[in-house]
Protein backbone atom coordinates (compact mmCIF):
# COMPACT_ATOMS: atom_id res chain seq x y z
CA MET A 1 0.47 -46.58 -95.11
CA PRO A 2 -2.42 -46.80 -92.61
CA ARG A 3 -2.56 -49.84 -90.35
CA THR A 4 -5.16 -52.49 -91.04
CA SER A 5 -7.54 -52.72 -88.10
CA THR A 6 -8.22 -56.05 -86.43
CA ALA A 7 -11.87 -55.68 -87.46
CA ALA A 8 -10.88 -55.29 -91.12
CA ALA A 9 -8.46 -58.21 -90.86
CA SER A 10 -11.18 -60.35 -89.29
CA ALA A 11 -13.59 -59.50 -92.09
CA ALA A 12 -11.00 -60.26 -94.76
CA LEU A 13 -10.33 -63.69 -93.27
CA ALA A 14 -14.05 -64.45 -93.05
CA ALA A 15 -14.52 -63.53 -96.70
CA ALA A 16 -11.70 -65.84 -97.78
CA ASP A 17 -12.33 -68.97 -95.67
CA PRO A 18 -15.61 -70.52 -94.45
CA VAL A 19 -14.10 -71.74 -91.16
CA MET A 20 -12.88 -68.21 -90.43
CA ALA A 21 -16.35 -66.91 -91.25
CA ARG A 22 -17.80 -69.22 -88.60
CA LEU A 23 -15.18 -68.10 -86.07
CA LEU A 24 -16.07 -64.48 -86.74
CA ARG A 25 -19.75 -65.24 -86.17
CA ASP A 26 -19.04 -67.11 -82.94
CA HIS A 27 -16.38 -64.89 -81.38
CA GLY A 28 -16.58 -61.54 -83.12
CA PRO A 29 -13.60 -59.60 -84.51
CA ALA A 30 -10.28 -60.12 -82.73
CA ARG A 31 -9.80 -57.79 -79.78
CA PHE A 32 -6.29 -57.26 -78.48
CA SER A 33 -5.33 -55.34 -75.36
CA PRO A 34 -4.53 -51.65 -75.89
CA ARG A 35 -1.04 -51.08 -77.28
CA PRO A 36 1.24 -50.01 -74.40
CA ALA A 37 3.24 -46.82 -74.55
CA VAL A 38 6.82 -47.15 -75.78
CA ALA A 39 8.03 -46.45 -72.23
CA ASP A 40 6.05 -49.47 -70.99
CA ARG A 41 7.43 -52.02 -73.44
CA TYR A 42 10.00 -53.33 -70.97
CA ALA A 43 7.27 -53.85 -68.37
CA THR A 44 5.15 -55.69 -70.94
CA LEU A 45 7.99 -58.08 -71.71
CA ALA A 46 8.91 -58.52 -68.06
CA ARG A 47 5.32 -59.41 -67.22
CA ALA A 48 5.27 -61.99 -70.02
CA VAL A 49 8.41 -63.58 -68.58
CA ALA A 50 6.89 -63.67 -65.09
CA TYR A 51 3.77 -65.40 -66.44
CA GLN A 52 5.61 -68.13 -68.35
CA GLN A 53 4.59 -71.68 -67.35
CA LEU A 54 2.44 -70.51 -64.42
CA ALA A 55 -1.30 -70.56 -63.78
CA GLY A 56 -2.93 -67.16 -64.08
CA ALA A 57 -3.62 -66.58 -60.36
CA ALA A 58 -0.11 -67.57 -59.24
CA ALA A 59 1.52 -65.51 -61.98
CA SER A 60 -0.62 -62.49 -61.13
CA THR A 61 0.37 -62.69 -57.47
CA ILE A 62 4.08 -62.95 -58.23
CA TRP A 63 3.95 -60.14 -60.77
CA GLY A 64 2.06 -57.93 -58.31
CA ARG A 65 4.73 -58.54 -55.67
CA THR A 66 7.45 -57.76 -58.19
CA VAL A 67 5.88 -54.43 -59.12
CA ALA A 68 5.33 -53.64 -55.42
CA ALA A 69 8.98 -54.39 -54.59
CA LEU A 70 10.08 -51.96 -57.28
CA GLU A 71 7.66 -49.28 -56.11
CA VAL A 72 8.68 -49.63 -52.44
CA ALA A 73 12.30 -49.17 -53.47
CA GLY A 74 11.36 -46.06 -55.44
CA HIS A 75 11.86 -47.61 -58.87
CA GLY A 76 9.72 -48.01 -61.95
CA VAL A 77 9.16 -51.20 -63.91
CA ASP A 78 11.89 -50.33 -66.34
CA PRO A 79 15.48 -51.41 -67.06
CA ILE A 80 17.08 -48.89 -64.70
CA GLY A 81 14.71 -49.79 -61.87
CA VAL A 82 15.16 -53.55 -62.24
CA LEU A 83 18.95 -53.29 -62.39
CA ALA A 84 18.95 -51.06 -59.32
CA LEU A 85 16.70 -53.47 -57.41
CA GLY A 86 18.85 -56.51 -58.11
CA GLU A 87 18.29 -60.26 -57.93
CA ALA A 88 17.54 -60.85 -54.24
CA PRO A 89 14.37 -58.68 -54.03
CA LEU A 90 13.15 -60.13 -57.33
CA ARG A 91 13.56 -63.62 -55.91
CA SER A 92 11.83 -62.57 -52.69
CA ALA A 93 8.84 -61.44 -54.75
CA GLY A 94 8.47 -65.03 -55.94
CA LEU A 95 10.33 -65.03 -59.23
CA SER A 96 12.45 -68.10 -59.89
CA ARG A 97 16.20 -67.65 -60.21
CA ALA A 98 15.89 -68.16 -63.96
CA LYS A 99 13.12 -65.55 -64.36
CA ALA A 100 14.86 -63.00 -62.16
CA GLY A 101 17.98 -63.56 -64.26
CA THR A 102 15.99 -63.02 -67.46
CA LEU A 103 14.53 -59.73 -66.21
CA LEU A 104 18.01 -58.55 -65.28
CA ALA A 105 19.54 -59.76 -68.55
CA LEU A 106 16.81 -57.99 -70.54
CA ALA A 107 17.30 -54.81 -68.55
CA ASP A 108 21.05 -54.95 -69.15
CA ALA A 109 20.54 -55.57 -72.88
CA CYS A 110 18.19 -52.56 -73.07
CA GLU A 111 20.69 -50.32 -71.30
CA ARG A 112 23.64 -51.50 -73.38
CA GLY A 113 21.74 -51.23 -76.67
CA GLY A 114 21.55 -54.92 -77.54
CA VAL A 115 17.76 -54.66 -77.38
CA ASP A 116 16.20 -51.48 -78.76
CA LEU A 117 12.64 -51.43 -77.44
CA THR A 118 12.13 -47.83 -78.55
CA GLY A 119 12.90 -48.56 -82.20
CA MET A 120 11.07 -51.87 -82.46
CA GLY A 121 7.99 -50.31 -83.99
CA ARG A 122 9.99 -49.85 -87.20
CA ALA A 123 11.65 -53.30 -87.25
CA SER A 124 10.41 -56.45 -88.96
CA ASP A 125 8.85 -59.26 -86.95
CA GLU A 126 11.83 -61.57 -87.44
CA ALA A 127 14.33 -58.83 -86.56
CA ILE A 128 12.48 -58.25 -83.29
CA ILE A 129 12.34 -61.98 -82.52
CA GLU A 130 16.08 -62.23 -83.21
CA GLN A 131 16.83 -59.35 -80.83
CA LEU A 132 14.68 -60.65 -78.02
CA THR A 133 15.64 -64.32 -78.21
CA ALA A 134 19.30 -63.33 -77.93
CA VAL A 135 18.48 -62.53 -74.29
CA ARG A 136 18.92 -65.53 -72.01
CA GLY A 137 15.52 -66.87 -70.98
CA ILE A 138 13.43 -65.23 -73.71
CA GLY A 139 12.17 -67.73 -76.27
CA ARG A 140 10.34 -67.37 -79.55
CA TRP A 141 6.90 -67.70 -77.91
CA THR A 142 7.52 -64.76 -75.56
CA ALA A 143 8.78 -62.67 -78.45
CA GLN A 144 5.70 -63.56 -80.49
CA MET A 145 3.37 -62.61 -77.64
CA PHE A 146 5.17 -59.25 -77.46
CA LEU A 147 4.69 -58.75 -81.19
CA MET A 148 0.98 -59.44 -80.89
CA GLY A 149 0.20 -57.77 -77.58
CA ALA A 150 2.54 -54.79 -77.49
CA LEU A 151 3.04 -54.00 -81.18
CA HIS A 152 -0.25 -55.35 -82.59
CA ARG A 153 1.48 -57.12 -85.48
CA LEU A 154 -1.21 -58.88 -87.48
CA ASP A 155 0.67 -61.80 -89.00
CA VAL A 156 2.20 -63.54 -85.99
CA TRP A 157 1.60 -67.29 -86.03
CA PRO A 158 2.73 -68.98 -82.79
CA THR A 159 2.71 -72.58 -83.98
CA GLY A 160 4.36 -73.75 -80.76
CA ASP A 161 1.49 -72.47 -78.63
CA LEU A 162 -0.58 -75.39 -77.34
CA GLY A 163 -3.75 -73.29 -77.21
CA VAL A 164 -3.39 -72.23 -80.84
CA ARG A 165 -2.80 -75.81 -81.94
CA ALA A 166 -5.76 -77.11 -79.91
CA GLY A 167 -8.05 -74.30 -81.06
CA PHE A 168 -7.15 -74.82 -84.70
CA ALA A 169 -8.02 -78.50 -84.33
CA LEU A 170 -11.36 -77.67 -82.71
CA ALA A 171 -12.20 -75.13 -85.39
CA HIS A 172 -11.46 -77.58 -88.21
CA GLY A 173 -12.85 -80.73 -86.61
CA LEU A 174 -9.46 -82.45 -86.37
CA THR A 175 -9.10 -85.37 -83.98
CA GLU A 176 -5.64 -84.24 -82.82
CA PRO A 177 -3.89 -80.88 -82.68
CA PRO A 178 -1.55 -80.49 -85.65
CA THR A 179 2.19 -80.42 -85.10
CA PRO A 180 3.87 -77.01 -85.28
CA LYS A 181 5.23 -77.83 -88.74
CA ALA A 182 1.85 -79.02 -89.98
CA LEU A 183 0.17 -75.95 -88.52
CA GLU A 184 2.57 -73.69 -90.42
CA ASP A 185 1.51 -75.34 -93.67
CA LEU A 186 -2.20 -75.50 -92.84
CA ALA A 187 -2.47 -71.77 -92.15
CA GLY A 188 -0.26 -70.44 -94.92
CA HIS A 189 -3.26 -69.19 -96.89
CA LEU A 190 -4.43 -67.14 -93.87
CA ALA A 191 -1.50 -64.72 -94.05
CA PRO A 192 -1.14 -61.80 -93.50
CA TYR A 193 -3.67 -61.92 -90.65
CA ARG A 194 -2.66 -64.99 -88.65
CA SER A 195 -2.58 -63.08 -85.34
CA VAL A 196 -6.35 -62.85 -85.68
CA VAL A 197 -6.53 -66.59 -86.35
CA ALA A 198 -4.46 -67.25 -83.21
CA TRP A 199 -6.86 -65.09 -81.17
CA TRP A 200 -9.82 -67.08 -82.51
CA CYS A 201 -8.04 -70.36 -81.72
CA TRP A 202 -7.68 -69.27 -78.09
CA ARG A 203 -11.36 -68.35 -77.99
CA GLU A 204 -12.26 -71.78 -79.39
CA VAL A 205 -10.43 -73.44 -76.50
CA ASP A 206 -12.14 -71.14 -73.99
CA ALA A 207 -15.55 -71.92 -75.48
CA SER A 208 -14.90 -75.69 -75.39
CA ARG A 209 -14.22 -75.48 -71.65
CA GLU A 210 -17.56 -73.74 -71.07
CA ARG A 211 -19.61 -76.37 -72.89
């Protein structure tokens, strides 16, 4: 079965819901980053871990140092390279002990078969989340970002994401962001394209900061 494009998903949402129609007019169809190659899936996840709870500039600097440390040592940003590099150089690059531990734990899980990044394209969203969150330091949000950014799954709905909650409130004229549970109920009718809705919610927040 052919994949639904983000443009087609955006149009379907706009046809079904007037608020989504306005979001499409204001922000255009959802545009996700290019899907990484299978060989780059570990690097995509590792980068997401490095960026957790950090401002963009600081996270970018630390991630750049991490990649550089691997390259200087002759390794790639992959499980074998990270395991060979070890914790101390990862910490020296600026990663916290917890994040360095997560990168190593993920690399070990990939090598031992507990996490199958190669076969994830055929697995369900929940099966992938279950695999990834079994790794110490990887939570549901990180797994959901991987589903959206690396696998381009169209019905990911990160209700715990503050930007999604705030953007949904802005889009619907709510005085307060809905709780994660409320957000799950409010967007049920927008399945199976809630990744597109999340993208629009983020754009709503960006636009509100520019006003």
